Amino acid sequence: MITFKKPLSVDILVPLKQYFGILWISLAAFGVYLMVHQADIEFRRNPALDTRIFWYTIIPIFTPIMFGLGLFGYYCLKGEYNRA
């Protein structure tokens, strides 16, 4: 019976995936913070209705995208993408 040994490169990629998971979670949190912070700056500088309409449209669209990025990072950190 022939048995195959797992390649070494797979063992190296597991911690790399976990580090990237931390990176994705950090990027998602920073992205939401940056978006809300920029909206606050724009509201203070130009409180016109068109500025509010723009940011009230952008924030609900991009927040779930950032949530998905953070969830992807969580799954990477948890090890869901490692092969069994």
PDB file of N, CA and C in Angstrom:
ATOM      1  N   MET A   1       0.836  -1.166   0.000  1.00  0.00           N
ATOM      2  CA  MET A   1       0.000   0.000   0.000  1.00  0.00           C
ATOM      3  C   MET A   1       0.890   1.241   0.000  1.00  0.00           C
ATOM      4  N   ILE A   2       0.538   2.197  -0.836  1.00  0.00           N
ATOM      5  CA  ILE A   2       1.312   3.426  -0.962  1.00  0.00           C
ATOM      6  C   ILE A   2       0.649   4.509  -0.121  1.00  0.00           C
ATOM      7  N   THR A   3       1.416   5.154   0.714  1.00  0.00           N
ATOM      8  CA  THR A   3       0.916   6.289   1.490  1.00  0.00           C
ATOM      9  C   THR A   3       1.670   7.533   1.065  1.00  0.00           C
ATOM     10  N   PHE A   4       0.954   8.592   0.959  1.00  0.00           N
ATOM     11  CA  PHE A   4       1.546   9.858   0.543  1.00  0.00           C
ATOM     12  C   PHE A   4       1.727  10.754   1.753  1.00  0.00           C
ATOM     13  N   LYS A   5       2.868  11.374   1.808  1.00  0.00           N
ATOM     14  CA  LYS A   5       3.159  12.298   2.894  1.00  0.00           C
ATOM     15  C   LYS A   5       2.650  13.686   2.504  1.00  0.00           C
ATOM     16  N   LYS A   6       2.108  14.396   3.468  1.00  0.00           N
ATOM     17  CA  LYS A   6       1.609  15.736   3.210  1.00  0.00           C
ATOM     18  C   LYS A   6       2.779  16.670   2.912  1.00  0.00           C
ATOM     19  N   PRO A   7       2.682  17.482   1.850  1.00  0.00           N
ATOM     20  CA  PRO A   7       3.796  18.383   1.536  1.00  0.00           C
ATOM     21  C   PRO A   7       4.040  19.398   2.651  1.00  0.00           C
ATOM     22  N   LEU A   8       5.251  19.842   2.772  1.00  0.00           N
ATOM     23  CA  LEU A   8       5.645  20.790   3.808  1.00  0.00           C
ATOM     24  C   LEU A   8       4.988  22.152   3.605  1.00  0.00           C
ATOM     25  N   SER A   9       4.750  22.537   2.355  1.00  0.00           N
ATOM     26  CA  SER A   9       4.213  23.863   2.077  1.00  0.00           C
ATOM     27  C   SER A   9       2.809  24.043   2.649  1.00  0.00           C
ATOM     28  N   VAL A  10       2.038  22.976   2.787  1.00  0.00           N
ATOM     29  CA  VAL A  10       0.699  23.087   3.366  1.00  0.00           C
ATOM     30  C   VAL A  10       0.793  23.457   4.839  1.00  0.00           C
ATOM     31  N   ASP A  11       1.774  22.901   5.545  1.00  0.00           N
ATOM     32  CA  ASP A  11       1.946  23.219   6.961  1.00  0.00           C
ATOM     33  C   ASP A  11       2.357  24.672   7.173  1.00  0.00           C
ATOM     34  N   ILE A  12       3.063  25.242   6.231  1.00  0.00           N
ATOM     35  CA  ILE A  12       3.503  26.627   6.341  1.00  0.00           C
ATOM     36  C   ILE A  12       2.337  27.583   6.078  1.00  0.00           C
ATOM     37  N   LEU A  13       1.392  27.176   5.244  1.00  0.00           N
ATOM     38  CA  LEU A  13       0.298  28.063   4.872  1.00  0.00           C
ATOM     39  C   LEU A  13      -0.752  28.232   5.971  1.00  0.00           C
ATOM     40  N   VAL A  14      -0.851  27.298   6.891  1.00  0.00           N
ATOM     41  CA  VAL A  14      -1.882  27.384   7.936  1.00  0.00           C
ATOM     42  C   VAL A  14      -1.685  28.620   8.814  1.00  0.00           C
ATOM     43  N   PRO A  15      -0.478  28.868   9.368  1.00  0.00           N
ATOM     44  CA  PRO A  15      -0.332  30.101  10.156  1.00  0.00           C
ATOM     45  C   PRO A  15      -0.436  31.358   9.297  1.00  0.00           C
ATOM     46  N   LEU A  16      -0.049  31.248   8.033  1.00  0.00           N
ATOM     47  CA  LEU A  16      -0.163  32.402   7.138  1.00  0.00           C
ATOM     48  C   LEU A  16      -1.626  32.770   6.935  1.00  0.00           C
ATOM     49  N   LYS A  17      -2.490  31.773   6.790  1.00  0.00           N
ATOM     50  CA  LYS A  17      -3.923  32.032   6.669  1.00  0.00           C
ATOM     51  C   LYS A  17      -4.467  32.684   7.932  1.00  0.00           C
ATOM     52  N   GLN A  18      -3.975  32.265   9.076  1.00  0.00           N
ATOM     53  CA  GLN A  18      -4.443  32.857  10.324  1.00  0.00           C
ATOM     54  C   GLN A  18      -3.978  34.304  10.460  1.00  0.00           C
ATOM     55  N   TYR A  19      -2.761  34.598  10.047  1.00  0.00           N
ATOM     56  CA  TYR A  19      -2.285  35.986  10.083  1.00  0.00           C
ATOM     57  C   TYR A  19      -3.100  36.857   9.133  1.00  0.00           C
ATOM     58  N   PHE A  20      -3.408  36.316   7.955  1.00  0.00           N
ATOM     59  CA  PHE A  20      -4.235  37.072   7.034  1.00  0.00           C
ATOM     60  C   PHE A  20      -5.660  37.242   7.561  1.00  0.00           C
ATOM     61  N   GLY A  21      -6.137  36.282   8.355  1.00  0.00           N
ATOM     62  CA  GLY A  21      -7.440  36.431   8.992  1.00  0.00           C
ATOM     63  C   GLY A  21      -7.467  37.630   9.916  1.00  0.00           C
ATOM     64  N   ILE A  22      -6.408  37.801  10.687  1.00  0.00           N
ATOM     65  CA  ILE A  22      -6.299  38.977  11.556  1.00  0.00           C
ATOM     66  C   ILE A  22      -6.255  40.248  10.714  1.00  0.00           C
ATOM     67  N   LEU A  23      -5.547  40.189   9.596  1.00  0.00           N
ATOM     68  CA  LEU A  23      -5.458  41.347   8.700  1.00  0.00           C
ATOM     69  C   LEU A  23      -6.826  41.703   8.127  1.00  0.00           C
ATOM     70  N   TRP A  24      -7.613  40.704   7.688  1.00  0.00           N
ATOM     71  CA  TRP A  24      -8.936  40.989   7.110  1.00  0.00           C
ATOM     72  C   TRP A  24      -9.873  41.582   8.148  1.00  0.00           C
ATOM     73  N   ILE A  25      -9.836  41.046   9.362  1.00  0.00           N
ATOM     74  CA  ILE A  25     -10.688  41.586  10.423  1.00  0.00           C
ATOM     75  C   ILE A  25     -10.310  43.030  10.727  1.00  0.00           C
ATOM     76  N   SER A  26      -9.013  43.305  10.782  1.00  0.00           N
ATOM     77  CA  SER A  26      -8.538  44.668  11.054  1.00  0.00           C
ATOM     78  C   SER A  26      -8.925  45.620   9.932  1.00  0.00           C
ATOM     79  N   LEU A  27      -8.781  45.168   8.693  1.00  0.00           N
ATOM     80  CA  LEU A  27      -9.154  46.012   7.556  1.00  0.00           C
ATOM     81  C   LEU A  27     -10.652  46.304   7.546  1.00  0.00           C
ATOM     82  N   ALA A  28     -11.456  45.334   7.897  1.00  0.00           N
ATOM     83  CA  ALA A  28     -12.906  45.547   7.932  1.00  0.00           C
ATOM     84  C   ALA A  28     -13.278  46.576   9.000  1.00  0.00           C
ATOM     85  N   ALA A  29     -12.714  46.426  10.186  1.00  0.00           N
ATOM     86  CA  ALA A  29     -13.018  47.373  11.261  1.00  0.00           C
ATOM     87  C   ALA A  29     -12.515  48.772  10.913  1.00  0.00           C
ATOM     88  N   PHE A  30     -11.320  48.842  10.361  1.00  0.00           N
ATOM     89  CA  PHE A  30     -10.768  50.148   9.980  1.00  0.00           C
ATOM     90  C   PHE A  30     -11.569  50.769   8.843  1.00  0.00           C
ATOM     91  N   GLY A  31     -12.050  49.951   7.919  1.00  0.00           N
ATOM     92  CA  GLY A  31     -12.852  50.467   6.807  1.00  0.00           C
ATOM     93  C   GLY A  31     -14.151  51.095   7.265  1.00  0.00           C
ATOM     94  N   VAL A  32     -14.823  50.444   8.203  1.00  0.00           N
ATOM     95  CA  VAL A  32     -16.069  51.005   8.733  1.00  0.00           C
ATOM     96  C   VAL A  32     -15.779  52.288   9.509  1.00  0.00           C
ATOM     97  N   TYR A  33     -14.722  52.257  10.328  1.00  0.00           N
ATOM     98  CA  TYR A  33     -14.355  53.454  11.075  1.00  0.00           C
ATOM     99  C   TYR A  33     -14.031  54.612  10.130  1.00  0.00           C
ATOM    100  N   LEU A  34     -13.239  54.339   9.109  1.00  0.00           N
ATOM    101  CA  LEU A  34     -12.838  55.383   8.169  1.00  0.00           C
ATOM    102  C   LEU A  34     -14.047  55.947   7.422  1.00  0.00           C
ATOM    103  N   MET A  35     -14.975  55.088   7.054  1.00  0.00           N
ATOM    104  CA  MET A  35     -16.151  55.530   6.328  1.00  0.00           C
ATOM    105  C   MET A  35     -17.026  56.433   7.207  1.00  0.00           C
ATOM    106  N   VAL A  36     -17.261  56.029   8.431  1.00  0.00           N
ATOM    107  CA  VAL A  36     -18.097  56.835   9.332  1.00  0.00           C
ATOM    108  C   VAL A  36     -17.388  58.135   9.701  1.00  0.00           C
ATOM    109  N   HIS A  37     -16.084  58.065   9.905  1.00  0.00           N
ATOM    110  CA  HIS A  37     -15.311  59.264  10.219  1.00  0.00           C
ATOM    111  C   HIS A  37     -15.342  60.261   9.060  1.00  0.00           C
ATOM    112  N   GLN A  38     -15.182  59.777   7.840  1.00  0.00           N
ATOM    113  CA  GLN A  38     -15.222  60.664   6.679  1.00  0.00           C
ATOM    114  C   GLN A  38     -16.614  61.271   6.500  1.00  0.00           C
ATOM    115  N   ALA A  39     -17.651  60.490   6.774  1.00  0.00           N
ATOM    116  CA  ALA A  39     -19.012  61.029   6.698  1.00  0.00           C
ATOM    117  C   ALA A  39     -19.207  62.132   7.728  1.00  0.00           C
ATOM    118  N   ASP A  40     -18.675  61.966   8.918  1.00  0.00           N
ATOM    119  CA  ASP A  40     -18.779  62.991   9.955  1.00  0.00           C
ATOM    120  C   ASP A  40     -18.060  64.268   9.535  1.00  0.00           C
ATOM    121  N   ILE A  41     -16.883  64.123   8.948  1.00  0.00           N
ATOM    122  CA  ILE A  41     -16.145  65.296   8.464  1.00  0.00           C
ATOM    123  C   ILE A  41     -16.937  66.018   7.378  1.00  0.00           C
ATOM    124  N   GLU A  42     -17.502  65.259   6.462  1.00  0.00           N
ATOM    125  CA  GLU A  42     -18.277  65.871   5.372  1.00  0.00           C
ATOM    126  C   GLU A  42     -19.539  66.565   5.907  1.00  0.00           C
ATOM    127  N   PHE A  43     -20.195  65.963   6.893  1.00  0.00           N
ATOM    128  CA  PHE A  43     -21.396  66.575   7.461  1.00  0.00           C
ATOM    129  C   PHE A  43     -21.072  67.905   8.136  1.00  0.00           C
ATOM    130  N   ARG A  44     -19.941  67.964   8.820  1.00  0.00           N
ATOM    131  CA  ARG A  44     -19.569  69.205   9.506  1.00  0.00           C
ATOM    132  C   ARG A  44     -19.135  70.290   8.520  1.00  0.00           C
ATOM    133  N   ARG A  45     -18.469  69.881   7.447  1.00  0.00           N
ATOM    134  CA  ARG A  45     -17.972  70.863   6.480  1.00  0.00           C
ATOM    135  C   ARG A  45     -19.084  71.391   5.580  1.00  0.00           C
ATOM    136  N   ASN A  46     -19.951  70.471   5.108  1.00  0.00           N
ATOM    137  CA  ASN A  46     -20.998  70.858   4.179  1.00  0.00           C
ATOM    138  C   ASN A  46     -22.294  70.156   4.585  1.00  0.00           C
ATOM    139  N   PRO A  47     -23.108  70.796   5.421  1.00  0.00           N
ATOM    140  CA  PRO A  47     -24.316  70.125   5.904  1.00  0.00           C
ATOM    141  C   PRO A  47     -25.488  70.166   4.911  1.00  0.00           C
ATOM    142  N   ALA A  48     -25.189  70.239   3.641  1.00  0.00           N
ATOM    143  CA  ALA A  48     -26.256  70.283   2.636  1.00  0.00           C
ATOM    144  C   ALA A  48     -26.933  68.921   2.511  1.00  0.00           C
ATOM    145  N   LEU A  49     -28.103  68.923   1.898  1.00  0.00           N
ATOM    146  CA  LEU A  49     -28.886  67.709   1.770  1.00  0.00           C
ATOM    147  C   LEU A  49     -28.221  66.688   0.859  1.00  0.00           C
ATOM    148  N   ASP A  50     -27.549  67.135  -0.200  1.00  0.00           N
ATOM    149  CA  ASP A  50     -26.925  66.185  -1.119  1.00  0.00           C
ATOM    150  C   ASP A  50     -25.776  65.413  -0.461  1.00  0.00           C
ATOM    151  N   THR A  51     -25.066  66.053   0.471  1.00  0.00           N
ATOM    152  CA  THR A  51     -24.013  65.348   1.208  1.00  0.00           C
ATOM    153  C   THR A  51     -24.614  64.266   2.090  1.00  0.00           C
ATOM    154  N   ARG A  52     -25.697  64.590   2.775  1.00  0.00           N
ATOM    155  CA  ARG A  52     -26.352  63.600   3.633  1.00  0.00           C
ATOM    156  C   ARG A  52     -26.928  62.441   2.814  1.00  0.00           C
ATOM    157  N   ILE A  53     -27.532  62.734   1.692  1.00  0.00           N
ATOM    158  CA  ILE A  53     -28.085  61.679   0.845  1.00  0.00           C
ATOM    159  C   ILE A  53     -26.972  60.754   0.366  1.00  0.00           C
ATOM    160  N   PHE A  54     -25.824  61.331  -0.024  1.00  0.00           N
ATOM    161  CA  PHE A  54     -24.695  60.522  -0.479  1.00  0.00           C
ATOM    162  C   PHE A  54     -24.225  59.565   0.597  1.00  0.00           C
ATOM    163  N   TRP A  55     -23.983  60.088   1.804  1.00  0.00           N
ATOM    164  CA  TRP A  55     -23.456  59.231   2.867  1.00  0.00           C
ATOM    165  C   TRP A  55     -24.509  58.296   3.434  1.00  0.00           C
ATOM    166  N   TYR A  56     -25.783  58.699   3.432  1.00  0.00           N
ATOM    167  CA  TYR A  56     -26.835  57.790   3.880  1.00  0.00           C
ATOM    168  C   TYR A  56     -27.058  56.662   2.876  1.00  0.00           C
ATOM    169  N   THR A  57     -26.539  56.813   1.675  1.00  0.00           N
ATOM    170  CA  THR A  57     -26.578  55.740   0.683  1.00  0.00           C
ATOM    171  C   THR A  57     -25.327  54.875   0.767  1.00  0.00           C
ATOM    172  N   ILE A  58     -24.167  55.490   0.927  1.00  0.00           N
ATOM    173  CA  ILE A  58     -22.892  54.763   0.925  1.00  0.00           C
ATOM    174  C   ILE A  58     -22.730  53.872   2.160  1.00  0.00           C
ATOM    175  N   ILE A  59     -23.064  54.386   3.326  1.00  0.00           N
ATOM    176  CA  ILE A  59     -22.839  53.624   4.568  1.00  0.00           C
ATOM    177  C   ILE A  59     -23.640  52.318   4.600  1.00  0.00           C
ATOM    178  N   PRO A  60     -24.942  52.304   4.279  1.00  0.00           N
ATOM    179  CA  PRO A  60     -25.643  51.007   4.300  1.00  0.00           C
ATOM    180  C   PRO A  60     -25.188  50.031   3.208  1.00  0.00           C
ATOM    181  N   ILE A  61     -24.593  50.525   2.146  1.00  0.00           N
ATOM    182  CA  ILE A  61     -24.119  49.629   1.090  1.00  0.00           C
ATOM    183  C   ILE A  61     -22.788  48.994   1.478  1.00  0.00           C
ATOM    184  N   PHE A  62     -21.861  49.776   1.992  1.00  0.00           N
ATOM    185  CA  PHE A  62     -20.516  49.263   2.237  1.00  0.00           C
ATOM    186  C   PHE A  62     -20.323  48.626   3.617  1.00  0.00           C
ATOM    187  N   THR A  63     -21.207  48.889   4.563  1.00  0.00           N
ATOM    188  CA  THR A  63     -21.069  48.252   5.869  1.00  0.00           C
ATOM    189  C   THR A  63     -21.247  46.731   5.793  1.00  0.00           C
ATOM    190  N   PRO A  64     -22.244  46.193   5.082  1.00  0.00           N
ATOM    191  CA  PRO A  64     -22.316  44.728   4.966  1.00  0.00           C
ATOM    192  C   PRO A  64     -21.133  44.125   4.211  1.00  0.00           C
ATOM    193  N   ILE A  65     -20.559  44.856   3.274  1.00  0.00           N
ATOM    194  CA  ILE A  65     -19.373  44.366   2.574  1.00  0.00           C
ATOM    195  C   ILE A  65     -18.217  44.246   3.559  1.00  0.00           C
ATOM    196  N   MET A  66     -18.044  45.241   4.404  1.00  0.00           N
ATOM    197  CA  MET A  66     -16.997  45.183   5.417  1.00  0.00           C
ATOM    198  C   MET A  66     -17.283  44.099   6.450  1.00  0.00           C
ATOM    199  N   PHE A  67     -18.552  43.882   6.758  1.00  0.00           N
ATOM    200  CA  PHE A  67     -18.916  42.798   7.671  1.00  0.00           C
ATOM    201  C   PHE A  67     -18.535  41.450   7.061  1.00  0.00           C
ATOM    202  N   GLY A  68     -18.778  41.286   5.770  1.00  0.00           N
ATOM    203  CA  GLY A  68     -18.395  40.050   5.084  1.00  0.00           C
ATOM    204  C   GLY A  68     -16.892  39.849   5.065  1.00  0.00           C
ATOM    205  N   LEU A  69     -16.146  40.921   4.893  1.00  0.00           N
ATOM    206  CA  LEU A  69     -14.688  40.828   4.940  1.00  0.00           C
ATOM    207  C   LEU A  69     -14.222  40.406   6.328  1.00  0.00           C
ATOM    208  N   GLY A  70     -14.833  40.970   7.358  1.00  0.00           N
ATOM    209  CA  GLY A  70     -14.490  40.579   8.718  1.00  0.00           C
ATOM    210  C   GLY A  70     -14.876  39.140   9.020  1.00  0.00           C
ATOM    211  N   LEU A  71     -16.008  38.694   8.489  1.00  0.00           N
ATOM    212  CA  LEU A  71     -16.429  37.308   8.676  1.00  0.00           C
ATOM    213  C   LEU A  71     -15.479  36.345   7.970  1.00  0.00           C
ATOM    214  N   PHE A  72     -15.034  36.722   6.782  1.00  0.00           N
ATOM    215  CA  PHE A  72     -14.040  35.924   6.065  1.00  0.00           C
ATOM    216  C   PHE A  72     -12.754  35.825   6.871  1.00  0.00           C
ATOM    217  N   GLY A  73     -12.341  36.924   7.460  1.00  0.00           N
ATOM    218  CA  GLY A  73     -11.158  36.914   8.310  1.00  0.00           C
ATOM    219  C   GLY A  73     -11.342  36.059   9.546  1.00  0.00           C
ATOM    220  N   TYR A  74     -12.537  36.081  10.114  1.00  0.00           N
ATOM    221  CA  TYR A  74     -12.818  35.246  11.281  1.00  0.00           C
ATOM    222  C   TYR A  74     -12.709  33.768  10.927  1.00  0.00           C
ATOM    223  N   TYR A  75     -13.263  33.406   9.785  1.00  0.00           N
ATOM    224  CA  TYR A  75     -13.180  32.009   9.362  1.00  0.00           C
ATOM    225  C   TYR A  75     -11.748  31.602   9.044  1.00  0.00           C
ATOM    226  N   CYS A  76     -10.968  32.515   8.498  1.00  0.00           N
ATOM    227  CA  CYS A  76      -9.548  32.215   8.277  1.00  0.00           C
ATOM    228  C   CYS A  76      -8.833  32.020   9.605  1.00  0.00           C
ATOM    229  N   LEU A  77      -9.118  32.869  10.553  1.00  0.00           N
ATOM    230  CA  LEU A  77      -8.491  32.776  11.870  1.00  0.00           C
ATOM    231  C   LEU A  77      -8.909  31.496  12.603  1.00  0.00           C
ATOM    232  N   LYS A  78     -10.156  31.111  12.426  1.00  0.00           N
ATOM    233  CA  LYS A  78     -10.672  29.913  13.082  1.00  0.00           C
ATOM    234  C   LYS A  78     -10.123  28.635  12.448  1.00  0.00           C
ATOM    235  N   GLY A  79      -9.701  28.711  11.188  1.00  0.00           N
ATOM    236  CA  GLY A  79      -9.147  27.539  10.498  1.00  0.00           C
ATOM    237  C   GLY A  79     -10.147  26.787   9.659  1.00  0.00           C
ATOM    238  N   GLU A  80     -11.217  27.459   9.241  1.00  0.00           N
ATOM    239  CA  GLU A  80     -12.245  26.796   8.441  1.00  0.00           C
ATOM    240  C   GLU A  80     -11.759  26.467   7.029  1.00  0.00           C
ATOM    241  N   TYR A  81     -10.747  27.155   6.550  1.00  0.00           N
ATOM    242  CA  TYR A  81     -10.272  26.940   5.191  1.00  0.00           C
ATOM    243  C   TYR A  81      -9.100  25.981   5.131  1.00  0.00           C
ATOM    244  N   ASN A  82      -8.729  25.383   6.236  1.00  0.00           N
ATOM    245  CA  ASN A  82      -7.659  24.383   6.233  1.00  0.00           C
ATOM    246  C   ASN A  82      -8.221  23.054   5.736  1.00  0.00           C
ATOM    247  N   ARG A  83      -7.444  22.352   4.970  1.00  0.00           N
ATOM    248  CA  ARG A  83      -7.904  21.061   4.460  1.00  0.00           C
ATOM    249  C   ARG A  83      -7.789  20.013   5.557  1.00  0.00           C
ATOM    250  N   ALA A  84      -8.745  19.116   5.565  1.00  0.00           N
ATOM    251  CA  ALA A  84      -8.752  18.071   6.588  1.00  0.00           C
ATOM    252  C   ALA A  84      -7.786  16.957   6.264  1.00  0.00           C
TER     253      ALA A  84
END
